[in-house]
Protein backbone atom coordinates (compact mmCIF):
# COMPACT_ATOMS: atom_id res chain seq x y z
CA MET A 1 -18.52 9.20 54.74
CA GLY A 2 -17.94 6.19 56.96
CA GLU A 3 -18.26 3.79 54.02
CA LYS A 4 -16.40 0.52 53.89
CA ASN A 5 -14.51 -0.54 50.82
CA ILE A 6 -16.06 -3.99 50.57
CA THR A 7 -19.31 -5.47 51.80
CA THR A 8 -20.02 -9.14 51.28
CA GLU A 9 -22.96 -11.39 51.96
CA SER A 10 -23.14 -14.99 53.04
CA SER A 11 -26.90 -15.55 53.29
CA ALA A 12 -30.24 -14.01 52.40
CA ALA A 13 -31.31 -13.71 56.02
CA GLY A 14 -33.18 -10.56 56.78
CA GLU A 15 -33.68 -9.63 53.13
CA PRO A 16 -37.11 -8.70 51.75
CA CYS A 17 -39.16 -11.77 51.03
CA ALA A 18 -40.60 -12.39 47.58
CA ASP A 19 -42.94 -14.90 46.03
CA ARG A 20 -41.03 -18.05 45.17
CA ASP A 21 -40.75 -18.99 41.52
CA THR A 22 -42.64 -22.24 41.10
CA THR A 23 -41.05 -22.98 37.72
CA ALA A 24 -37.84 -24.92 37.36
CA THR A 25 -34.85 -22.73 38.16
CA PRO A 26 -31.74 -23.18 36.02
CA SER A 27 -28.47 -23.80 37.80
CA HIS A 28 -26.15 -20.80 38.06
CA ALA A 29 -23.93 -22.19 40.79
CA ASP A 30 -20.79 -21.33 38.82
CA GLU A 31 -21.87 -17.74 38.15
CA ALA A 32 -21.33 -14.79 40.48
CA VAL A 33 -23.21 -11.50 40.19
CA ILE A 34 -21.55 -8.39 41.62
CA LEU A 35 -23.92 -5.54 42.52
CA VAL A 36 -22.53 -1.98 42.48
CA HIS A 37 -24.61 0.78 44.10
CA GLY A 38 -24.86 4.43 43.07
CA LEU A 39 -24.17 7.87 44.53
CA TRP A 40 -25.02 8.64 48.17
CA THR A 41 -26.34 5.13 48.82
CA PRO A 42 -24.98 2.12 50.74
CA ALA A 43 -24.63 -1.35 49.29
CA THR A 44 -27.76 -2.39 51.20
CA VAL A 45 -29.94 -0.69 48.55
CA PHE A 46 -29.34 -3.79 46.45
CA LEU A 47 -30.79 -6.19 49.05
CA PRO A 48 -34.00 -6.87 47.07
CA HIS A 49 -32.14 -7.66 43.85
CA ALA A 50 -29.57 -9.73 45.75
CA HIS A 51 -32.43 -11.81 47.15
CA TRP A 52 -34.15 -12.29 43.79
CA LEU A 53 -30.90 -13.22 42.07
CA ARG A 54 -30.13 -15.79 44.76
CA GLN A 55 -33.54 -17.28 44.24
CA ARG A 56 -32.51 -17.76 40.62
CA GLY A 57 -29.42 -19.67 41.74
CA TYR A 58 -26.68 -17.04 41.38
CA ALA A 59 -23.93 -16.42 43.92
CA VAL A 60 -24.33 -12.74 44.80
CA ARG A 61 -21.87 -10.24 46.26
CA ARG A 62 -22.32 -6.55 46.88
CA PHE A 63 -19.45 -4.15 46.30
CA ALA A 64 -19.46 -1.03 48.47
CA TYR A 65 -17.29 1.99 47.81
CA PRO A 66 -16.92 5.66 48.89
CA SER A 67 -19.06 7.29 46.20
CA VAL A 68 -18.20 10.86 47.26
CA ARG A 69 -14.72 10.67 48.74
CA ALA A 70 -12.91 8.60 46.08
CA THR A 71 -12.42 9.29 42.39
CA LEU A 72 -14.00 7.28 39.61
CA SER A 73 -10.60 5.79 38.79
CA ASP A 74 -9.95 4.85 42.42
CA ASN A 75 -13.32 3.14 42.73
CA ALA A 76 -12.86 1.28 39.43
CA GLN A 77 -9.50 -0.01 40.64
CA ALA A 78 -11.08 -1.07 43.95
CA LEU A 79 -13.75 -2.98 42.01
CA GLU A 80 -11.02 -4.69 39.99
CA ARG A 81 -9.28 -5.77 43.21
CA PHE A 82 -12.61 -6.99 44.58
CA LEU A 83 -13.20 -9.14 41.50
CA ALA A 84 -9.81 -10.77 42.04
CA THR A 85 -11.14 -12.17 45.33
CA ILE A 86 -14.18 -13.79 43.67
CA GLU A 87 -13.82 -17.53 43.18
CA ALA A 88 -16.20 -18.17 40.30
CA PRO A 89 -15.67 -19.34 36.70
CA GLU A 90 -18.07 -16.68 35.39
CA ILE A 91 -18.81 -13.19 36.71
CA HIS A 92 -21.61 -10.78 35.84
CA LEU A 93 -21.93 -7.14 36.91
CA VAL A 94 -24.99 -5.02 37.73
CA GLY A 95 -24.57 -1.32 38.45
CA HIS A 96 -27.09 1.36 39.37
CA SER A 97 -26.45 4.95 38.22
CA LEU A 98 -22.88 5.89 39.25
CA GLY A 99 -22.23 2.20 39.88
CA GLY A 100 -22.64 1.64 36.15
CA LEU A 101 -20.04 4.30 35.40
CA ILE A 102 -17.60 2.59 37.73
CA ILE A 103 -18.20 -0.67 35.87
CA LEU A 104 -17.58 1.05 32.52
CA GLU A 105 -14.43 2.71 33.85
CA MET A 106 -13.14 -0.67 35.00
CA LEU A 107 -14.03 -2.38 31.70
CA ALA A 108 -11.95 0.20 29.87
CA GLU A 109 -8.87 -1.14 31.66
CA LEU A 110 -9.67 -4.73 32.71
CA ALA A 111 -9.76 -7.85 30.56
CA ASP A 112 -10.70 -10.50 33.16
CA PRO A 113 -11.74 -13.46 30.97
CA ARG A 114 -14.34 -14.51 33.54
CA LEU A 115 -16.47 -11.41 32.93
CA ARG A 116 -19.51 -12.28 30.83
CA ARG A 117 -22.35 -9.75 31.02
CA ALA A 118 -23.12 -6.42 32.66
CA VAL A 119 -26.42 -4.61 33.22
CA LEU A 120 -26.48 -0.84 33.75
CA LEU A 121 -29.52 0.59 35.53
CA GLY A 122 -30.22 4.29 35.01
CA THR A 123 -26.57 5.00 34.26
CA PRO A 124 -25.73 8.36 32.61
CA CYS A 125 -23.35 6.81 30.08
CA LEU A 126 -23.23 9.86 27.81
CA ASP A 127 -23.15 12.79 30.26
CA SER A 128 -25.39 14.02 33.07
CA HIS A 129 -27.53 17.11 32.65
CA CYS A 130 -28.45 17.05 36.35
CA ALA A 131 -24.87 16.75 37.54
CA ARG A 132 -23.66 19.54 35.28
CA ARG A 133 -26.42 21.89 36.43
CA LEU A 134 -25.86 21.08 40.10
CA ALA A 135 -22.08 21.45 39.75
CA THR A 136 -22.56 25.13 38.94
CA LEU A 137 -24.05 25.78 42.38
CA ALA A 138 -21.87 26.80 45.32
CA GLY A 139 -20.75 23.81 47.36
CA MET A 140 -22.36 21.23 45.11
CA PRO A 141 -19.18 19.85 43.47
CA ALA A 142 -18.02 18.66 46.89
CA LEU A 143 -21.43 17.16 47.62
CA LEU A 144 -21.62 15.43 44.25
CA GLY A 145 -18.23 13.95 44.99
CA ARG A 146 -15.03 13.19 43.17
CA SER A 147 -16.38 10.24 41.16
CA ILE A 148 -19.22 12.22 39.60
CA MET A 149 -17.02 15.22 38.90
CA GLU A 150 -14.41 13.00 37.23
CA SER A 151 -17.11 11.30 35.15
CA LEU A 152 -18.13 14.66 33.67
CA SER A 153 -14.72 14.92 32.05
CA ARG A 154 -14.92 11.42 30.57
CA ALA A 155 -15.53 11.07 26.84
CA ARG A 156 -14.45 7.45 26.47
CA PHE A 157 -17.57 5.74 27.84
CA ALA A 158 -19.11 5.93 24.37
CA THR A 159 -16.35 3.69 22.97
CA ILE A 160 -16.23 1.05 25.71
CA ALA A 161 -19.07 -1.27 24.64
CA PRO A 162 -17.82 -1.89 21.07
CA GLN A 163 -14.31 -2.66 22.36
CA SER A 164 -15.19 -4.79 25.39
CA PRO A 165 -15.83 -8.55 25.13
CA VAL A 166 -18.37 -8.14 27.93
CA GLU A 167 -21.98 -7.97 26.73
CA ILE A 168 -23.59 -4.83 28.15
CA GLY A 169 -27.31 -4.32 28.58
CA VAL A 170 -28.74 -0.90 29.42
CA LEU A 171 -32.01 -0.44 31.32
CA ALA A 172 -33.42 3.08 31.53
CA GLY A 173 -36.40 4.61 33.32
CA THR A 174 -39.05 6.98 31.99
CA ARG A 175 -40.98 7.84 35.18
CA SER A 176 -40.02 11.45 35.92
CA LEU A 177 -39.89 11.55 39.70
CA GLY A 178 -36.91 12.82 41.65
CA LEU A 179 -34.18 15.44 41.40
CA GLY A 180 -35.22 16.34 37.88
CA ARG A 181 -38.33 18.05 39.23
CA VAL A 182 -35.94 20.58 40.79
CA VAL A 183 -33.71 20.82 37.74
CA LEU A 184 -36.52 22.33 35.69
CA ASP A 185 -35.07 21.95 32.22
CA LEU A 186 -34.18 18.25 32.50
CA PRO A 187 -35.09 16.97 29.02
CA ARG A 188 -37.84 14.37 28.75
CA PRO A 189 -38.19 11.47 28.82
CA ASN A 190 -36.21 10.92 32.01
CA ASP A 191 -36.30 8.90 35.23
CA GLY A 192 -36.24 11.99 37.43
CA VAL A 193 -32.43 12.11 37.48
CA VAL A 194 -31.08 10.77 34.18
CA THR A 195 -32.51 11.42 30.73
CA LEU A 196 -33.27 8.56 28.38
CA ASP A 197 -30.76 9.86 25.81
CA GLU A 198 -27.99 9.94 28.44
CA THR A 199 -28.35 6.20 29.03
CA ARG A 200 -27.96 5.13 25.39
CA LEU A 201 -24.53 3.52 25.37
CA PRO A 202 -23.29 3.03 21.78
CA GLY A 203 -22.58 -0.61 21.02
CA ALA A 204 -24.59 -2.01 23.93
CA ALA A 205 -25.91 -5.52 23.27
CA ASP A 206 -29.47 -4.46 24.18
CA PHE A 207 -31.47 -1.53 25.54
CA ILE A 208 -34.85 -1.29 27.23
CA ALA A 209 -36.84 1.49 28.88
CA LEU A 210 -39.31 0.81 31.69
CA PRO A 211 -41.82 3.18 33.35
CA LEU A 212 -39.71 3.43 36.50
CA ALA A 213 -38.15 6.31 38.40
CA HIS A 214 -34.42 6.32 39.13
CA SER A 215 -34.65 4.82 42.63
CA GLU A 216 -37.61 2.56 41.82
CA MET A 217 -35.28 0.37 39.79
CA LEU A 218 -33.78 -0.87 43.05
CA VAL A 219 -37.04 -2.36 44.33
CA SER A 220 -38.83 -3.33 41.13
CA ARG A 221 -39.62 -6.99 40.40
CA ARG A 222 -40.14 -6.01 36.77
CA CYS A 223 -36.61 -4.62 36.71
CA ALA A 224 -35.33 -7.81 38.36
CA ALA A 225 -36.94 -9.94 35.65
CA GLN A 226 -35.17 -7.89 32.98
CA ILE A 227 -31.82 -8.20 34.74
CA ILE A 228 -32.18 -11.97 34.97
CA ALA A 229 -33.27 -12.21 31.33
CA PHE A 230 -30.18 -10.34 30.16
CA LEU A 231 -27.80 -12.29 32.40
CA GLU A 232 -29.21 -15.57 31.09
CA ASN A 233 -29.76 -14.74 27.43
CA GLY A 234 -27.90 -11.55 26.59
CA ARG A 235 -31.22 -9.90 25.73
CA PHE A 236 -34.02 -8.18 27.64
CA LEU A 237 -37.67 -9.22 27.55
CA HIS A 238 -39.21 -6.98 24.89
CA GLU A 239 -42.94 -6.71 24.33
CA PRO A 240 -43.97 -8.29 21.02
CA ALA A 241 -44.79 -5.84 18.26
CA PRO A 242 -48.56 -5.28 17.83
């Protein structure tokens, strides 16, 4: 696939600009945020969120991995090795889709005391209707890749959050645009790829659903605000009850 194992960043040059926050920004100089992309995408898909997190004061690194060629276990081990190179007292994780599964796989084996919080964006924690349907088609298992196919045999994700000291927040989408329009019987609500029920990780510290499609999460300022809220407080920004 021509993917590199690790991609790092040293500046925000060339990243999408955003309105500067005019309020006082808390110091997060001792906190690193590792961004983990999803299937079929490069680490550059996280450029907007990397920029917004830097504006908030976090040190940001992007982890790139071969989402098709390598297994889920291989990628989780590569993420663990990547974390060992991070010089920060506290580390947070943010994963989109398959990236969230890689984070969960790693958390099942790793007890790095520096890990504090993790946010999963559109991650099929409890199975993937789309992946299972597509895997029945000729040639699709190879296209979906070894990580996705291994994840379909995993039953332990449902037990990770209660056992892990890392606080996990789950953000799901309910805007049904994407692959799900082809997979006709994808249950609603869904984000076009992952159903809402598939994202509900038992034992997660918090859960929120936003009217976003699967890929829209990567460019949404509203999503960014929720990520920052969870990293800072361990809770998302919920609308007050009427």
